[in-house]
Structure formats: C-alpha cells, structure tokens
Amino acid sequence: MTDLIIQTKDLVKTFGKFTAVNGLSLEVPAGSIYGFVGPNGAGKTTTMRMLTTLTRPTSGEAFVAGHSVAADPRAVRRAIGYMPDEFGVYDDMRVWEYLDFFAACYDIAEADRRKLIGDLLELVDLTHRRDDMVDKLSRGMKQRLSLARTLAHDPSVLILDEPASGLDPRARVEIRELLVELARMGKTIFFSTHILADVSEICTHIGIVEAGQIIAQGDMHDMRAQLTPHREITVTLADAAAVEQIKTLIGPREGVISVTPLEPKNNRARVRIDFTGDDDGVAALSQAMSGAGIAILGFTEETKDLEAMFMRVTKGIVT
C-alpha cells in the first residue's frame, strides 16, 4: 500500500450551528500532486486550516507526515509549507527582504540565507525582481514569491489554498509548471481549486469535496474510469448503408450497450457505439469492422473531461 503523507479520519469542524467540514476522510499518497476540488463554500479552506494547525478540529483525526495536527502541531508545521489564498500586505519590503524575513522565522542562520534566497528566486524565476518592492509585483509574481516562501525550510509537504485563483491564463500555466517541478523535486503537493483545468493537466490524484464531505477520491486515471459509465466511440463511414451492417455485426458483441446512428457530418454517415470494454475490446471492434470490409473514414473515442466527471458526482452544483 502506498504511504499516506496526509490522512484524515472523520474530520469535523463546526462553527456554532454551521458544519463546515462533515466527517471528511482524506488519503493523500506521498509524492503525489493531489487536487482538492470543490465548489466555493465546500469546506476546502477550513480543511486546509485544520491540516496546517491554524484551526482545531471539532472532532476526528488528521495526520500530516505522520504527526497528529492536534497532538503534535509543532512537528506538523516543520513538515509543511503553507500558502494561504491571500498574499497579505508587505508594503515596505523588497522581494529579497520578504524571503529573508521568513527564512529567519524558520531559524535559518543568516550566513545561509543569502544563498537560500538566491536559489529560491531562481526556482520561481524572480531573480530579476530581487530588489523590487513586493507591493509592485503583479499578482502572478506575488503568487510565485509566496510559493518560494513556503519552501524556505525545505518542507516535505506543500499545502496550497487556491494557488492559481485570480491569475491570468499565462500566470496559471506558470504556477502549474512550477508545481510539477516541485513534485519532481520530491515534494508532495496538496492544493485546493475550483478551476478544473488546473487539476486535469497536472494532478496524479484528486479528491472531490461537497458540503464538507469527500464524495470521490483516488488516482486520477482510476477516477476517470470509475466515474465514466461507458465509452462512446464515433465511427465515420464512407457508405451510409454500412450503418445497418455495423448494428448487425457489432450490436450483439459483449460489452456493446448500443449502436446508434448519428446525424451525418460533412455528408458522411456516422454511428455511435456505447461500449463498456477495455482498450483491447475497442481495438477488437475496429478490427471486426475492417475485417467485414466496412470502409471506415474515422474511428474516435470521446474523452470524458474532468468537468463532466465533476458535474456527475456533484449533481451539477458548481459555483
């Protein structure tokens, strides 16, 4: 079994009569890029505040890097780098001073901080802004600087709350690339988002949260397979008469749910095959049609994107 670096068991957080997190159980494998996905108000930030020891759970358990957030918060803080969803106000600090300040907070010796700061700025591509005032940076640069700050004490786990929120498309791509690079360096990345593109392109694992509960989680590939009930294959044909031939030939085969004629496209006949089999089964369908002499102009499988999967499990509640 894969080692879990973040694990919660029946985690609950209430504020008066309001339950923000309701029996949430997370499993984040070490070395993964885990996307914590859910609508606004689903309980993502509250969960992260508990994982980072900023908020005490009402009940349940949470462990980070083997340490209990309730019983050993200092050990948890040493193991994590936390990036909140708001950068904060640092009007009177230069970029290097900002990193120097946080490095000092982590008791890093002054003699070691200069090289550390240089390395961090190079990692997040801000070396050329070293002497700029922090408040003059763009939002994307501030996000990269904030990420650099979380790395000052070389944590094993990065907990990032909406790291790409509010960024323009170019800055979002830059943040995603940086997260992938950090994962290659051996960090576990746990980040929340409601921007599904951020998850589909870089994550190895995903957890979908709604109303304070995990409703689906696991390996990205397995989750897609689990939440996609069948495969939809569209076949484009040279001869419209072949539609009936395909229904007769393919319809009875194991795993075929239905064979449905589609509206012609570019004056070419099309048919959709709904199929529950694996990749070998898909290949066998293609071979069977070719073997029967059916002239196939196109054979494509619709890829179920993350948004479709998300809408399925959250019953369409996305904000």
Protein backbone atom coordinates (compact mmCIF):
# COMPACT_ATOMS: atom_id res chain seq x y z
CA MET A 1 0.00 0.00 0.00
CA THR A 2 1.21 3.49 -0.88
CA ASP A 3 2.42 5.51 2.10
CA LEU A 4 -0.02 8.27 3.01
CA ILE A 5 1.56 11.60 3.90
CA ILE A 6 -1.78 13.31 4.66
CA GLN A 7 -4.64 11.36 6.21
CA THR A 8 -7.82 12.44 7.94
CA LYS A 9 -10.43 10.26 9.61
CA ASP A 10 -13.98 11.53 10.08
CA LEU A 11 -12.76 15.12 10.37
CA VAL A 12 -15.43 17.57 11.56
CA LYS A 13 -15.40 21.32 12.05
CA THR A 14 -18.42 23.25 13.23
CA PHE A 15 -18.92 26.96 13.78
CA GLY A 16 -21.93 27.26 16.06
CA LYS A 17 -24.77 25.53 14.25
CA PHE A 18 -22.94 25.55 10.91
CA THR A 19 -20.95 22.48 9.89
CA ALA A 20 -18.16 23.45 7.51
CA VAL A 21 -16.46 20.03 7.39
CA ASN A 22 -18.60 16.98 7.99
CA GLY A 23 -16.84 13.64 8.56
CA LEU A 24 -14.18 14.18 5.92
CA SER A 25 -11.67 11.36 5.32
CA LEU A 26 -8.68 12.16 3.08
CA GLU A 27 -5.91 9.93 1.77
CA VAL A 28 -3.01 11.73 0.10
CA PRO A 29 -0.13 9.49 -1.08
CA ALA A 30 3.43 10.67 -0.53
CA GLY A 31 4.92 12.23 -3.67
CA SER A 32 1.55 12.91 -5.29
CA ILE A 33 0.09 16.07 -6.78
CA TYR A 34 -3.33 15.95 -5.14
CA GLY A 35 -6.07 18.27 -6.36
CA PHE A 36 -8.63 19.08 -3.67
CA VAL A 37 -11.57 20.11 -5.82
CA GLY A 38 -14.96 21.51 -4.93
CA PRO A 39 -17.37 24.41 -5.33
CA ASN A 40 -16.82 27.60 -3.37
CA GLY A 41 -18.04 27.03 0.18
CA ALA A 42 -17.47 23.26 0.06
CA GLY A 43 -15.10 23.29 3.05
CA LYS A 44 -11.73 23.30 1.26
CA THR A 45 -10.16 26.24 3.13
CA THR A 46 -11.45 25.07 6.51
CA THR A 47 -9.94 21.63 5.89
CA MET A 48 -6.61 23.19 4.98
CA ARG A 49 -6.62 25.37 8.07
CA MET A 50 -7.05 22.25 10.18
CA LEU A 51 -4.27 20.43 8.33
CA THR A 52 -1.94 23.38 8.92
CA THR A 53 -2.84 23.57 12.66
CA LEU A 54 -4.41 27.04 12.30
CA THR A 55 -7.86 25.73 13.28
CA ARG A 56 -8.57 22.93 15.74
CA PRO A 57 -10.91 20.17 14.56
CA THR A 58 -14.19 19.80 16.41
CA SER A 59 -13.75 16.03 16.18
CA GLY A 60 -11.99 13.41 14.14
CA GLU A 61 -8.29 12.95 13.42
CA ALA A 62 -5.78 14.41 10.98
CA PHE A 63 -2.17 13.41 10.37
CA VAL A 64 0.46 15.14 8.25
CA ALA A 65 3.82 13.46 7.63
CA GLY A 66 2.97 11.02 10.42
CA HIS A 67 2.23 13.73 13.00
CA SER A 68 -1.14 14.44 14.59
CA VAL A 69 -2.30 18.01 13.97
CA ALA A 70 -3.88 18.03 17.44
CA ALA A 71 -1.21 16.25 19.50
CA ASP A 72 1.97 17.45 17.75
CA PRO A 73 1.28 20.71 15.88
CA ARG A 74 4.91 21.89 16.00
CA ALA A 75 6.08 18.78 14.12
CA VAL A 76 3.35 19.33 11.53
CA ARG A 77 4.46 22.93 10.99
CA ARG A 78 8.04 21.82 10.45
CA ALA A 79 6.91 19.34 7.80
CA ILE A 80 4.68 21.65 5.77
CA GLY A 81 4.85 24.74 3.64
CA TYR A 82 1.50 26.56 3.67
CA MET A 83 0.36 29.09 1.10
CA PRO A 84 -2.95 30.75 2.03
CA ASP A 85 -5.36 32.12 -0.56
CA GLU A 86 -4.44 35.72 0.32
CA PHE A 87 -0.89 37.02 -0.06
CA GLY A 88 -1.06 39.56 2.77
CA VAL A 89 0.30 43.10 2.93
CA TYR A 90 4.06 43.72 2.83
CA ASP A 91 4.28 47.27 1.53
CA ASP A 92 7.71 48.15 2.90
CA MET A 93 9.71 45.08 1.96
CA ARG A 94 11.81 44.24 -1.05
CA VAL A 95 11.49 40.81 -2.60
CA TRP A 96 14.72 39.51 -1.07
CA GLU A 97 13.81 41.02 2.31
CA TYR A 98 10.47 39.21 2.24
CA LEU A 99 12.19 35.85 1.81
CA ASP A 100 14.89 36.77 4.32
CA PHE A 101 12.24 37.58 6.90
CA PHE A 102 10.53 34.21 6.60
CA ALA A 103 13.82 32.31 6.47
CA ALA A 104 14.75 33.99 9.76
CA CYS A 105 11.40 32.92 11.20
CA TYR A 106 12.41 29.35 10.46
CA ASP A 107 15.69 29.87 12.36
CA ILE A 108 17.84 29.62 9.26
CA ALA A 109 21.25 31.10 10.02
CA GLU A 110 21.97 34.49 8.49
CA ALA A 111 25.11 33.13 6.82
CA ASP A 112 22.99 30.55 4.96
CA ARG A 113 20.13 32.81 3.98
CA ARG A 114 21.80 34.68 1.12
CA LYS A 115 22.38 31.52 -0.95
CA LEU A 116 18.96 30.18 0.01
CA ILE A 117 17.25 33.35 -1.18
CA GLY A 118 19.15 33.24 -4.46
CA ASP A 119 18.17 29.61 -5.02
CA LEU A 120 14.51 30.27 -4.24
CA LEU A 121 14.32 33.30 -6.53
CA GLU A 122 15.90 31.30 -9.34
CA LEU A 123 13.44 28.47 -8.81
CA VAL A 124 10.40 30.75 -9.14
CA ASP A 125 12.01 32.91 -11.87
CA LEU A 126 12.13 36.13 -9.85
CA THR A 127 15.87 36.73 -9.71
CA HIS A 128 15.47 39.82 -11.91
CA ARG A 129 12.95 41.27 -9.39
CA ARG A 130 15.13 40.71 -6.33
CA ASP A 131 15.33 44.37 -5.31
CA ASP A 132 11.77 45.36 -6.30
CA MET A 133 9.23 46.31 -3.67
CA VAL A 134 6.83 43.44 -3.01
CA ASP A 135 3.72 45.58 -3.46
CA LYS A 136 4.83 46.49 -7.01
CA LEU A 137 4.75 42.89 -8.22
CA SER A 138 1.94 41.55 -10.37
CA ARG A 139 -0.45 39.06 -8.76
CA GLY A 140 1.20 36.20 -10.61
CA MET A 141 4.65 37.23 -9.34
CA LYS A 142 3.29 37.57 -5.81
CA GLN A 143 1.93 34.04 -6.03
CA ARG A 144 5.33 32.73 -7.13
CA LEU A 145 7.03 34.68 -4.35
CA SER A 146 4.58 33.30 -1.81
CA LEU A 147 5.31 29.80 -3.08
CA ALA A 148 9.05 30.44 -2.71
CA ARG A 149 8.45 31.48 0.89
CA THR A 150 6.75 28.16 1.68
CA LEU A 151 9.95 26.38 0.58
CA ALA A 152 12.36 28.26 2.83
CA HIS A 153 12.67 25.46 5.39
CA ASP A 154 12.59 22.66 2.78
CA PRO A 155 9.26 21.08 3.81
CA SER A 156 8.17 17.68 2.53
CA VAL A 157 4.53 18.72 2.04
CA LEU A 158 3.16 21.84 0.36
CA ILE A 159 -0.41 22.80 1.26
CA LEU A 160 -1.61 25.46 -1.16
CA ASP A 161 -5.01 27.16 -0.99
CA GLU A 162 -6.21 28.18 -4.46
CA PRO A 163 -2.68 28.94 -5.78
CA ALA A 164 -3.93 29.88 -9.26
CA SER A 165 -7.03 31.83 -8.25
CA GLY A 166 -7.34 35.24 -9.87
CA LEU A 167 -4.37 34.74 -12.19
CA ASP A 168 -4.41 35.36 -15.93
CA PRO A 169 -4.03 32.29 -18.19
CA ARG A 170 -0.27 32.73 -18.65
CA ALA A 171 0.35 33.07 -14.91
CA ARG A 172 -1.81 29.99 -14.21
CA VAL A 173 0.29 27.95 -16.63
CA GLU A 174 3.47 29.20 -14.92
CA ILE A 175 2.17 28.17 -11.49
CA ARG A 176 1.14 24.74 -12.77
CA GLU A 177 4.57 24.18 -14.31
CA LEU A 178 6.20 25.22 -11.04
CA LEU A 179 4.09 22.74 -9.07
CA VAL A 180 5.10 19.92 -11.42
CA GLU A 181 8.76 20.89 -10.99
CA LEU A 182 8.39 20.85 -7.19
CA ALA A 183 6.82 17.38 -7.37
CA ARG A 184 9.83 16.21 -9.38
CA MET A 185 11.99 17.50 -6.52
CA GLY A 186 10.22 15.09 -4.18
CA LYS A 187 7.60 17.36 -2.64
CA THR A 188 4.03 16.26 -2.06
CA ILE A 189 1.67 18.92 -3.44
CA PHE A 190 -1.81 19.23 -1.90
CA PHE A 191 -3.73 22.14 -3.38
CA SER A 192 -7.32 23.29 -3.47
CA THR A 193 -9.00 24.69 -6.52
CA HIS A 194 -12.30 25.12 -8.29
CA ILE A 195 -10.52 25.62 -11.62
CA LEU A 196 -10.79 22.18 -13.17
CA ALA A 197 -8.11 22.76 -15.83
CA ASP A 198 -5.52 23.10 -13.07
CA VAL A 199 -6.33 19.59 -11.91
CA SER A 200 -6.75 17.74 -15.19
CA GLU A 201 -3.37 18.80 -16.54
CA ILE A 202 -1.05 18.14 -13.60
CA CYS A 203 -2.65 16.05 -10.85
CA THR A 204 -1.85 12.42 -10.11
CA HIS A 205 -4.68 12.18 -7.55
CA ILE A 206 -7.92 14.01 -6.91
CA GLY A 207 -10.44 14.41 -4.12
CA ILE A 208 -13.84 15.95 -4.81
CA VAL A 209 -15.47 17.66 -1.83
CA GLU A 210 -19.02 18.94 -1.48
CA ALA A 211 -20.79 20.26 1.60
CA GLY A 212 -17.80 19.35 3.75
CA GLN A 213 -17.67 15.71 2.66
CA ILE A 214 -15.40 13.78 0.32
CA ILE A 215 -17.66 12.27 -2.30
CA ALA A 216 -14.95 10.75 -4.50
CA GLN A 217 -11.16 10.45 -4.36
CA GLY A 218 -8.34 8.40 -5.79
CA ASP A 219 -5.82 8.03 -8.59
CA MET A 220 -6.70 10.31 -11.50
CA HIS A 221 -6.78 7.51 -14.08
CA ASP A 222 -8.86 5.23 -11.86
CA MET A 223 -11.26 8.04 -11.02
CA ARG A 224 -11.94 8.75 -14.67
CA ALA A 225 -12.63 5.07 -15.29
CA GLN A 226 -14.80 4.79 -12.18
CA LEU A 227 -16.93 7.83 -12.95
CA THR A 228 -17.32 7.28 -16.67
CA PRO A 229 -20.05 4.65 -17.07
CA HIS A 230 -19.10 3.68 -20.62
CA ARG A 231 -17.00 4.61 -23.61
CA GLU A 232 -18.52 6.49 -26.53
CA ILE A 233 -16.97 5.59 -29.89
CA THR A 234 -17.91 7.52 -33.02
CA VAL A 235 -17.36 5.79 -36.36
CA THR A 236 -17.45 7.81 -39.59
CA LEU A 237 -18.34 5.77 -42.66
CA ALA A 238 -17.81 6.03 -46.39
CA ASP A 239 -21.16 4.35 -47.12
CA ALA A 240 -24.40 5.10 -45.25
CA ALA A 241 -25.58 1.55 -45.89
CA ALA A 242 -22.82 0.32 -43.57
CA VAL A 243 -24.73 1.68 -40.55
CA GLU A 244 -27.12 -1.27 -40.57
CA GLN A 245 -24.23 -3.64 -41.20
CA ILE A 246 -22.45 -2.34 -38.09
CA LYS A 247 -25.60 -2.71 -35.99
CA THR A 248 -25.87 -6.36 -37.05
CA LEU A 249 -22.16 -7.08 -36.70
CA ILE A 250 -21.28 -5.13 -33.54
CA GLY A 251 -24.58 -4.93 -31.66
CA PRO A 252 -24.51 -8.49 -30.23
CA ARG A 253 -20.86 -8.33 -29.08
CA GLU A 254 -20.07 -8.46 -25.37
CA GLY A 255 -19.77 -5.04 -23.79
CA VAL A 256 -21.71 -3.21 -26.51
CA ILE A 257 -24.61 -1.33 -24.91
CA SER A 258 -26.00 0.20 -28.08
CA VAL A 259 -25.22 1.17 -31.67
CA THR A 260 -26.88 4.46 -32.56
CA PRO A 261 -26.95 6.24 -35.95
CA LEU A 262 -25.91 9.91 -35.68
CA GLU A 263 -26.68 12.92 -37.84
CA PRO A 264 -24.38 12.95 -40.89
CA LYS A 265 -21.43 15.33 -40.72
CA ASN A 266 -19.89 16.77 -43.90
CA ASN A 267 -22.21 14.46 -45.82
CA ARG A 268 -20.68 11.43 -44.17
CA ALA A 269 -22.64 8.82 -42.23
CA ARG A 270 -21.78 8.35 -38.57
CA VAL A 271 -22.65 5.87 -35.86
CA ARG A 272 -22.02 5.89 -32.11
CA ILE A 273 -21.10 2.75 -30.22
CA ASP A 274 -21.62 2.77 -26.44
CA PHE A 275 -19.15 0.25 -25.05
CA THR A 276 -18.11 -0.91 -21.54
CA GLY A 277 -15.00 -2.86 -22.54
CA ASP A 278 -11.29 -2.09 -22.21
CA ASP A 279 -8.74 -0.87 -24.77
CA ASP A 280 -8.30 -4.35 -26.22
CA GLY A 281 -12.05 -4.56 -26.67
CA VAL A 282 -12.10 -1.24 -28.54
CA ALA A 283 -9.34 -2.47 -30.83
CA ALA A 284 -11.31 -5.67 -31.46
CA LEU A 285 -14.37 -3.66 -32.54
CA SER A 286 -12.30 -1.77 -35.07
CA GLN A 287 -10.72 -4.96 -36.39
CA ALA A 288 -14.11 -6.65 -36.70
CA MET A 289 -15.49 -3.83 -38.83
CA SER A 290 -12.40 -3.66 -41.03
CA GLY A 291 -12.44 -7.45 -41.40
CA ALA A 292 -16.03 -7.29 -42.63
CA GLY A 293 -15.00 -4.91 -45.41
CA ILE A 294 -16.64 -1.82 -43.91
CA ALA A 295 -14.89 1.34 -45.16
CA ILE A 296 -14.13 3.39 -42.06
CA LEU A 297 -13.12 7.03 -42.50
CA GLY A 298 -12.86 7.84 -38.80
CA PHE A 299 -12.82 5.96 -35.50
CA THR A 300 -12.66 8.18 -32.42
CA GLU A 301 -13.44 7.79 -28.75
CA GLU A 302 -14.85 10.72 -26.82
CA THR A 303 -12.62 11.64 -23.90
CA LYS A 304 -14.59 12.36 -20.75
CA ASP A 305 -13.14 15.57 -19.39
CA LEU A 306 -12.84 16.41 -15.73
CA GLU A 307 -15.73 18.83 -15.85
CA ALA A 308 -18.12 16.08 -16.93
CA MET A 309 -16.83 13.88 -14.13
CA PHE A 310 -17.15 16.71 -11.61
CA MET A 311 -20.71 17.53 -12.70
CA ARG A 312 -21.66 13.88 -12.40
CA VAL A 313 -20.57 13.42 -8.80
CA THR A 314 -21.60 16.87 -7.52
CA LYS A 315 -25.04 16.67 -9.12
CA GLY A 316 -24.26 19.75 -11.17
CA ILE A 317 -23.65 22.05 -8.20
CA VAL A 318 -20.68 24.15 -9.32
CA THR A 319 -20.14 27.79 -8.37
